[in-house]
């Protein structure tokens, strides 16, 4: 296991750029909504999905939120199944249309990942063609070794599972006023409808764990770097 040292919290607001990496399906839309009004005055660069940690210059600080790979998989599937609605509308590609026709539920796709024959091949192909599912956490952070190498540049890592509490920690770290709050509206926050079918069988969960094995290791390392303060 790699060793790391907690970042020293700044004693004053630095006006050098501080970069927010938008890891998909990890609360980024809600965070951007809350941070947006203060981005210019505090030189916060709220990047789109395509910007990765490697794109941030050495010596400049980055912060981001992550999410359990299992929950990211479920959320990503459901978001693309809705074509981003209701907040956005990004129509399916032809490949996504085929994938959601073959696999109408998130459990159907996850269970098929270990299947043999055409069904398994279609499932593995769908994982590479459904937009959010084809974006593993490693796309932004690469691996534990690279994260360790950039440790001094990482201002904060938050977790979607404790989004509100971690946002309060981030707010204090950035020097934001108490008026900076997360949106409560589900559409603005880009949250999935409460009636979404999120259930996965044990077999499905095991398949997802194998598929995103590197992401699970990276997620665990992030949790060691920034443990829950409670």
C-alpha atoms as a PDB file:
ATOM      1  CA  UNK A   1       0.000   0.000   0.000  1.00  0.00           C
ATOM      2  CA  UNK A   2       1.316   3.417  -0.901  1.00  0.00           C
ATOM      3  CA  UNK A   3       2.013   5.871   1.877  1.00  0.00           C
ATOM      4  CA  UNK A   4       0.606   9.387   1.750  1.00  0.00           C
ATOM      5  CA  UNK A   5       0.596  12.530   3.849  1.00  0.00           C
ATOM      6  CA  UNK A   6      -2.486  14.702   4.452  1.00  0.00           C
ATOM      7  CA  UNK A   7      -2.468  17.968   2.545  1.00  0.00           C
ATOM      8  CA  UNK A   8      -1.851  21.069   4.631  1.00  0.00           C
ATOM      9  CA  UNK A   9      -4.923  23.283   4.601  1.00  0.00           C
ATOM     10  CA  UNK A  10      -4.212  26.802   3.351  1.00  0.00           C
ATOM     11  CA  UNK A  11      -4.245  29.651   5.844  1.00  0.00           C
ATOM     12  CA  UNK A  12      -5.452  32.157   3.283  1.00  0.00           C
ATOM     13  CA  UNK A  13      -7.230  32.198  -0.030  1.00  0.00           C
ATOM     14  CA  UNK A  14      -4.798  31.594  -2.867  1.00  0.00           C
ATOM     15  CA  UNK A  15      -5.750  33.208  -6.145  1.00  0.00           C
ATOM     16  CA  UNK A  16      -3.835  30.749  -8.280  1.00  0.00           C
ATOM     17  CA  UNK A  17      -6.236  28.528 -10.251  1.00  0.00           C
ATOM     18  CA  UNK A  18      -7.933  25.687  -8.430  1.00  0.00           C
ATOM     19  CA  UNK A  19      -9.365  23.086 -10.734  1.00  0.00           C
ATOM     20  CA  UNK A  20     -12.564  21.106 -10.299  1.00  0.00           C
ATOM     21  CA  UNK A  21     -12.494  17.798 -12.189  1.00  0.00           C
ATOM     22  CA  UNK A  22     -15.970  16.652 -13.154  1.00  0.00           C
ATOM     23  CA  UNK A  23     -15.944  12.881 -12.706  1.00  0.00           C
ATOM     24  CA  UNK A  24     -19.212  11.761 -14.254  1.00  0.00           C
ATOM     25  CA  UNK A  25     -22.085  10.514 -12.074  1.00  0.00           C
ATOM     26  CA  UNK A  26     -20.400  11.689  -8.862  1.00  0.00           C
ATOM     27  CA  UNK A  27     -22.412  14.777  -7.960  1.00  0.00           C
ATOM     28  CA  UNK A  28     -20.613  17.128 -10.326  1.00  0.00           C
ATOM     29  CA  UNK A  29     -23.707  18.883 -11.692  1.00  0.00           C
ATOM     30  CA  UNK A  30     -24.878  19.794  -8.186  1.00  0.00           C
ATOM     31  CA  UNK A  31     -21.392  20.931  -7.190  1.00  0.00           C
ATOM     32  CA  UNK A  32     -20.985  23.133 -10.247  1.00  0.00           C
ATOM     33  CA  UNK A  33     -24.351  24.729  -9.514  1.00  0.00           C
ATOM     34  CA  UNK A  34     -23.215  25.569  -5.974  1.00  0.00           C
ATOM     35  CA  UNK A  35     -19.696  26.715  -6.906  1.00  0.00           C
ATOM     36  CA  UNK A  36     -20.547  28.570 -10.100  1.00  0.00           C
ATOM     37  CA  UNK A  37     -21.443  31.973  -8.554  1.00  0.00           C
ATOM     38  CA  UNK A  38     -18.045  32.107  -6.802  1.00  0.00           C
ATOM     39  CA  UNK A  39     -15.853  30.637  -9.521  1.00  0.00           C
ATOM     40  CA  UNK A  40     -14.677  33.938 -10.988  1.00  0.00           C
ATOM     41  CA  UNK A  41     -13.868  35.696  -7.704  1.00  0.00           C
ATOM     42  CA  UNK A  42     -11.993  32.700  -6.286  1.00  0.00           C
ATOM     43  CA  UNK A  43     -10.418  31.570  -9.574  1.00  0.00           C
ATOM     44  CA  UNK A  44     -12.127  28.199  -9.508  1.00  0.00           C
ATOM     45  CA  UNK A  45     -11.950  26.472 -12.881  1.00  0.00           C
ATOM     46  CA  UNK A  46     -15.005  24.212 -13.191  1.00  0.00           C
ATOM     47  CA  UNK A  47     -13.953  21.863 -15.946  1.00  0.00           C
ATOM     48  CA  UNK A  48     -16.090  19.683 -18.238  1.00  0.00           C
ATOM     49  CA  UNK A  49     -15.881  15.894 -18.195  1.00  0.00           C
ATOM     50  CA  UNK A  50     -13.049  15.726 -20.712  1.00  0.00           C
ATOM     51  CA  UNK A  51     -10.453  17.358 -18.414  1.00  0.00           C
ATOM     52  CA  UNK A  52      -8.384  14.858 -16.427  1.00  0.00           C
ATOM     53  CA  UNK A  53      -5.890  15.128 -13.598  1.00  0.00           C
ATOM     54  CA  UNK A  54      -3.015  14.787 -16.069  1.00  0.00           C
ATOM     55  CA  UNK A  55      -4.308  17.932 -17.826  1.00  0.00           C
ATOM     56  CA  UNK A  56      -3.802  20.004 -14.674  1.00  0.00           C
ATOM     57  CA  UNK A  57      -0.321  21.613 -14.569  1.00  0.00           C
ATOM     58  CA  UNK A  58       2.018  20.360 -11.881  1.00  0.00           C
ATOM     59  CA  UNK A  59       1.918  22.654  -8.869  1.00  0.00           C
ATOM     60  CA  UNK A  60      -1.710  23.741  -9.373  1.00  0.00           C
ATOM     61  CA  UNK A  61      -4.406  22.374  -7.100  1.00  0.00           C
ATOM     62  CA  UNK A  62      -7.261  20.126  -8.146  1.00  0.00           C
ATOM     63  CA  UNK A  63     -10.329  18.872  -6.303  1.00  0.00           C
ATOM     64  CA  UNK A  64     -12.978  16.371  -7.292  1.00  0.00           C
ATOM     65  CA  UNK A  65     -15.676  14.016  -6.044  1.00  0.00           C
ATOM     66  CA  UNK A  66     -15.798  10.291  -6.666  1.00  0.00           C
ATOM     67  CA  UNK A  67     -18.372   7.559  -6.147  1.00  0.00           C
ATOM     68  CA  UNK A  68     -18.446   3.837  -5.525  1.00  0.00           C
ATOM     69  CA  UNK A  69     -17.852   2.161  -8.920  1.00  0.00           C
ATOM     70  CA  UNK A  70     -20.898  -0.026  -8.360  1.00  0.00           C
ATOM     71  CA  UNK A  71     -23.159   2.975  -7.801  1.00  0.00           C
ATOM     72  CA  UNK A  72     -21.539   4.868 -10.685  1.00  0.00           C
ATOM     73  CA  UNK A  73     -22.330   1.945 -12.971  1.00  0.00           C
ATOM     74  CA  UNK A  74     -25.993   1.891 -11.940  1.00  0.00           C
ATOM     75  CA  UNK A  75     -26.347   5.669 -12.127  1.00  0.00           C
ATOM     76  CA  UNK A  76     -24.565   5.841 -15.488  1.00  0.00           C
ATOM     77  CA  UNK A  77     -26.783   3.154 -17.010  1.00  0.00           C
ATOM     78  CA  UNK A  78     -29.979   4.810 -15.802  1.00  0.00           C
ATOM     79  CA  UNK A  79     -28.867   8.268 -16.915  1.00  0.00           C
ATOM     80  CA  UNK A  80     -28.120   7.141 -20.451  1.00  0.00           C
ATOM     81  CA  UNK A  81     -31.272   5.021 -20.536  1.00  0.00           C
ATOM     82  CA  UNK A  82     -33.170   8.301 -19.900  1.00  0.00           C
ATOM     83  CA  UNK A  83     -30.932  10.021 -22.478  1.00  0.00           C
ATOM     84  CA  UNK A  84     -29.936  12.470 -19.740  1.00  0.00           C
ATOM     85  CA  UNK A  85     -33.492  13.617 -19.031  1.00  0.00           C
ATOM     86  CA  UNK A  86     -34.974  15.568 -17.397  1.00  0.00           C
ATOM     87  CA  UNK A  87     -32.143  18.076 -16.971  1.00  0.00           C
ATOM     88  CA  UNK A  88     -30.393  17.324 -20.263  1.00  0.00           C
ATOM     89  CA  UNK A  89     -31.218  15.586 -23.504  1.00  0.00           C
ATOM     90  CA  UNK A  90     -28.447  13.681 -25.252  1.00  0.00           C
ATOM     91  CA  UNK A  91     -30.027  11.274 -27.748  1.00  0.00           C
ATOM     92  CA  UNK A  92     -28.781   7.699 -27.933  1.00  0.00           C
ATOM     93  CA  UNK A  93     -26.196   6.776 -30.465  1.00  0.00           C
ATOM     94  CA  UNK A  94     -27.128   3.854 -32.699  1.00  0.00           C
ATOM     95  CA  UNK A  95     -24.948   1.626 -30.519  1.00  0.00           C
ATOM     96  CA  UNK A  96     -26.644   2.809 -27.325  1.00  0.00           C
ATOM     97  CA  UNK A  97     -30.068   2.204 -28.862  1.00  0.00           C
ATOM     98  CA  UNK A  98     -29.057  -1.376 -29.615  1.00  0.00           C
ATOM     99  CA  UNK A  99     -27.631  -1.843 -26.122  1.00  0.00           C
ATOM    100  CA  UNK A 100     -30.736  -0.611 -24.287  1.00  0.00           C
ATOM    101  CA  UNK A 101     -32.961  -2.696 -26.571  1.00  0.00           C
ATOM    102  CA  UNK A 102     -31.004  -5.834 -25.672  1.00  0.00           C
ATOM    103  CA  UNK A 103     -30.599  -4.963 -21.991  1.00  0.00           C
ATOM    104  CA  UNK A 104     -33.689  -3.132 -20.682  1.00  0.00           C
ATOM    105  CA  UNK A 105     -32.487  -3.150 -17.051  1.00  0.00           C
ATOM    106  CA  UNK A 106     -29.176  -2.476 -15.383  1.00  0.00           C
ATOM    107  CA  UNK A 107     -29.290  -5.973 -13.857  1.00  0.00           C
ATOM    108  CA  UNK A 108     -29.775  -7.561 -17.289  1.00  0.00           C
ATOM    109  CA  UNK A 109     -26.586  -5.943 -18.561  1.00  0.00           C
ATOM    110  CA  UNK A 110     -24.525  -6.681 -15.460  1.00  0.00           C
ATOM    111  CA  UNK A 111     -25.518 -10.340 -15.330  1.00  0.00           C
ATOM    112  CA  UNK A 112     -24.755 -10.795 -19.039  1.00  0.00           C
ATOM    113  CA  UNK A 113     -21.158  -9.624 -18.627  1.00  0.00           C
ATOM    114  CA  UNK A 114     -20.072 -13.139 -17.688  1.00  0.00           C
ATOM    115  CA  UNK A 115     -22.251 -14.902 -20.259  1.00  0.00           C
ATOM    116  CA  UNK A 116     -20.739 -16.891 -23.081  1.00  0.00           C
ATOM    117  CA  UNK A 117     -21.741 -16.628 -26.705  1.00  0.00           C
ATOM    118  CA  UNK A 118     -23.412 -13.664 -28.402  1.00  0.00           C
ATOM    119  CA  UNK A 119     -25.192 -12.387 -25.265  1.00  0.00           C
ATOM    120  CA  UNK A 120     -21.939 -11.978 -23.390  1.00  0.00           C
ATOM    121  CA  UNK A 121     -20.254 -10.374 -26.376  1.00  0.00           C
ATOM    122  CA  UNK A 122     -23.121  -7.905 -26.737  1.00  0.00           C
ATOM    123  CA  UNK A 123     -22.930  -7.038 -23.026  1.00  0.00           C
ATOM    124  CA  UNK A 124     -19.210  -6.367 -23.096  1.00  0.00           C
ATOM    125  CA  UNK A 125     -19.662  -4.322 -26.245  1.00  0.00           C
ATOM    126  CA  UNK A 126     -22.420  -2.297 -24.550  1.00  0.00           C
ATOM    127  CA  UNK A 127     -20.041  -1.452 -21.693  1.00  0.00           C
ATOM    128  CA  UNK A 128     -17.735   0.177 -24.212  1.00  0.00           C
ATOM    129  CA  UNK A 129     -20.507   1.965 -26.117  1.00  0.00           C
ATOM    130  CA  UNK A 130     -22.813   3.369 -23.423  1.00  0.00           C
ATOM    131  CA  UNK A 131     -21.346   6.779 -22.723  1.00  0.00           C
ATOM    132  CA  UNK A 132     -21.071   6.842 -18.943  1.00  0.00           C
ATOM    133  CA  UNK A 133     -20.163   3.166 -18.621  1.00  0.00           C
ATOM    134  CA  UNK A 134     -17.215   3.649 -20.954  1.00  0.00           C
ATOM    135  CA  UNK A 135     -15.755   6.322 -18.639  1.00  0.00           C
ATOM    136  CA  UNK A 136     -14.100   4.533 -15.708  1.00  0.00           C
ATOM    137  CA  UNK A 137     -12.631   6.453 -12.803  1.00  0.00           C
ATOM    138  CA  UNK A 138      -9.196   5.590 -14.158  1.00  0.00           C
ATOM    139  CA  UNK A 139      -9.964   7.846 -17.111  1.00  0.00           C
ATOM    140  CA  UNK A 140      -9.623  10.871 -14.807  1.00  0.00           C
ATOM    141  CA  UNK A 141      -7.149   9.646 -12.189  1.00  0.00           C
ATOM    142  CA  UNK A 142      -5.265   6.824 -13.966  1.00  0.00           C
ATOM    143  CA  UNK A 143      -4.138   4.701 -11.000  1.00  0.00           C
ATOM    144  CA  UNK A 144      -2.966   4.794  -7.401  1.00  0.00           C
ATOM    145  CA  UNK A 145       0.637   5.417  -8.389  1.00  0.00           C
ATOM    146  CA  UNK A 146      -0.230   8.491 -10.425  1.00  0.00           C
ATOM    147  CA  UNK A 147      -2.563   9.775  -7.718  1.00  0.00           C
ATOM    148  CA  UNK A 148       0.240   9.341  -5.199  1.00  0.00           C
ATOM    149  CA  UNK A 149       2.620  11.196  -7.506  1.00  0.00           C
ATOM    150  CA  UNK A 150       0.202  14.155  -7.703  1.00  0.00           C
ATOM    151  CA  UNK A 151      -0.750  14.050  -4.016  1.00  0.00           C
ATOM    152  CA  UNK A 152       0.592  17.520  -3.230  1.00  0.00           C
ATOM    153  CA  UNK A 153      -1.599  18.970  -6.010  1.00  0.00           C
ATOM    154  CA  UNK A 154      -4.820  17.434  -4.691  1.00  0.00           C
ATOM    155  CA  UNK A 155      -6.659  19.950  -2.555  1.00  0.00           C
ATOM    156  CA  UNK A 156      -9.624  17.762  -1.710  1.00  0.00           C
ATOM    157  CA  UNK A 157     -11.395  14.548  -2.636  1.00  0.00           C
ATOM    158  CA  UNK A 158     -15.073  14.298  -1.760  1.00  0.00           C
ATOM    159  CA  UNK A 159     -17.492  11.396  -2.043  1.00  0.00           C
ATOM    160  CA  UNK A 160     -20.931  11.363  -3.575  1.00  0.00           C
ATOM    161  CA  UNK A 161     -22.110   9.025  -0.810  1.00  0.00           C
ATOM    162  CA  UNK A 162     -21.549  11.810   1.725  1.00  0.00           C
ATOM    163  CA  UNK A 163     -22.055  14.672  -0.695  1.00  0.00           C
ATOM    164  CA  UNK A 164     -23.584  17.239   1.658  1.00  0.00           C
ATOM    165  CA  UNK A 165     -21.096  16.744   4.489  1.00  0.00           C
ATOM    166  CA  UNK A 166     -18.134  16.781   2.131  1.00  0.00           C
ATOM    167  CA  UNK A 167     -19.446  19.870   0.394  1.00  0.00           C
ATOM    168  CA  UNK A 168     -19.453  21.660   3.753  1.00  0.00           C
ATOM    169  CA  UNK A 169     -15.821  20.611   4.229  1.00  0.00           C
ATOM    170  CA  UNK A 170     -14.969  21.857   0.746  1.00  0.00           C
ATOM    171  CA  UNK A 171     -16.847  25.106   1.317  1.00  0.00           C
ATOM    172  CA  UNK A 172     -14.737  25.846   4.374  1.00  0.00           C
ATOM    173  CA  UNK A 173     -11.531  24.882   2.585  1.00  0.00           C
ATOM    174  CA  UNK A 174     -12.283  27.212  -0.342  1.00  0.00           C
ATOM    175  CA  UNK A 175     -13.439  30.045   1.894  1.00  0.00           C
ATOM    176  CA  UNK A 176     -16.966  30.101   0.474  1.00  0.00           C
ATOM    177  CA  UNK A 177     -19.811  31.818   2.326  1.00  0.00           C
ATOM    178  CA  UNK A 178     -22.607  29.863   3.984  1.00  0.00           C
ATOM    179  CA  UNK A 179     -24.847  31.059   1.150  1.00  0.00           C
ATOM    180  CA  UNK A 180     -23.075  28.536  -1.099  1.00  0.00           C
ATOM    181  CA  UNK A 181     -25.336  25.490  -0.916  1.00  0.00           C
ATOM    182  CA  UNK A 182     -26.115  22.428  -2.976  1.00  0.00           C
ATOM    183  CA  UNK A 183     -29.348  22.481  -4.997  1.00  0.00           C
ATOM    184  CA  UNK A 184     -32.334  20.702  -3.491  1.00  0.00           C
ATOM    185  CA  UNK A 185     -34.235  20.360  -6.761  1.00  0.00           C
ATOM    186  CA  UNK A 186     -33.784  16.889  -8.256  1.00  0.00           C
ATOM    187  CA  UNK A 187     -33.660  18.181 -11.829  1.00  0.00           C
ATOM    188  CA  UNK A 188     -31.046  20.854 -11.113  1.00  0.00           C
ATOM    189  CA  UNK A 189     -28.972  18.327  -9.150  1.00  0.00           C
ATOM    190  CA  UNK A 190     -29.367  15.833 -12.012  1.00  0.00           C
ATOM    191  CA  UNK A 191     -30.564  13.078  -9.692  1.00  0.00           C
ATOM    192  CA  UNK A 192     -32.250   9.932 -10.955  1.00  0.00           C
ATOM    193  CA  UNK A 193     -36.009   9.609 -10.333  1.00  0.00           C
ATOM    194  CA  UNK A 194     -36.762   7.860  -7.047  1.00  0.00           C
ATOM    195  CA  UNK A 195     -38.683   5.087  -8.812  1.00  0.00           C
ATOM    196  CA  UNK A 196     -35.693   3.981 -10.915  1.00  0.00           C
ATOM    197  CA  UNK A 197     -34.965   0.251 -10.842  1.00  0.00           C
ATOM    198  CA  UNK A 198     -31.490   0.093  -9.297  1.00  0.00           C
ATOM    199  CA  UNK A 199     -31.540  -3.514  -8.075  1.00  0.00           C
ATOM    200  CA  UNK A 200     -28.596  -5.783  -8.828  1.00  0.00           C
ATOM    201  CA  UNK A 201     -28.289  -9.471  -8.047  1.00  0.00           C
ATOM    202  CA  UNK A 202     -25.188 -10.784  -6.275  1.00  0.00           C
ATOM    203  CA  UNK A 203     -24.056 -12.257  -9.578  1.00  0.00           C
ATOM    204  CA  UNK A 204     -24.491  -8.889 -11.279  1.00  0.00           C
ATOM    205  CA  UNK A 205     -22.547  -7.104  -8.534  1.00  0.00           C
ATOM    206  CA  UNK A 206     -19.680  -9.578  -8.835  1.00  0.00           C
ATOM    207  CA  UNK A 207     -19.520  -9.015 -12.593  1.00  0.00           C
ATOM    208  CA  UNK A 208     -19.413  -5.245 -12.169  1.00  0.00           C
ATOM    209  CA  UNK A 209     -16.673  -5.589  -9.564  1.00  0.00           C
ATOM    210  CA  UNK A 210     -14.568  -7.636 -11.975  1.00  0.00           C
ATOM    211  CA  UNK A 211     -15.185  -5.217 -14.835  1.00  0.00           C
ATOM    212  CA  UNK A 212     -14.188  -2.143 -12.824  1.00  0.00           C
ATOM    213  CA  UNK A 213     -11.570  -3.808 -10.627  1.00  0.00           C
ATOM    214  CA  UNK A 214      -9.018  -1.030 -11.150  1.00  0.00           C
ATOM    215  CA  UNK A 215     -11.658   1.581 -10.288  1.00  0.00           C
ATOM    216  CA  UNK A 216     -12.465  -0.148  -6.997  1.00  0.00           C
ATOM    217  CA  UNK A 217      -8.797  -0.064  -5.989  1.00  0.00           C
ATOM    218  CA  UNK A 218      -8.527   3.592  -6.957  1.00  0.00           C
ATOM    219  CA  UNK A 219     -11.730   4.479  -5.106  1.00  0.00           C
ATOM    220  CA  UNK A 220     -10.472   2.749  -1.956  1.00  0.00           C
ATOM    221  CA  UNK A 221      -7.218   4.676  -2.173  1.00  0.00           C
ATOM    222  CA  UNK A 222      -9.153   7.938  -2.418  1.00  0.00           C
ATOM    223  CA  UNK A 223     -11.008   7.001   0.754  1.00  0.00           C
ATOM    224  CA  UNK A 224      -7.720   6.392   2.547  1.00  0.00           C
ATOM    225  CA  UNK A 225      -6.448   9.777   1.422  1.00  0.00           C
ATOM    226  CA  UNK A 226      -9.563  11.627   2.610  1.00  0.00           C
ATOM    227  CA  UNK A 227     -11.326   9.566   5.277  1.00  0.00           C
ATOM    228  CA  UNK A 228     -14.647  10.531   6.769  1.00  0.00           C
ATOM    229  CA  UNK A 229     -14.084  13.200   9.393  1.00  0.00           C
ATOM    230  CA  UNK A 230     -17.114  12.192  11.426  1.00  0.00           C
END
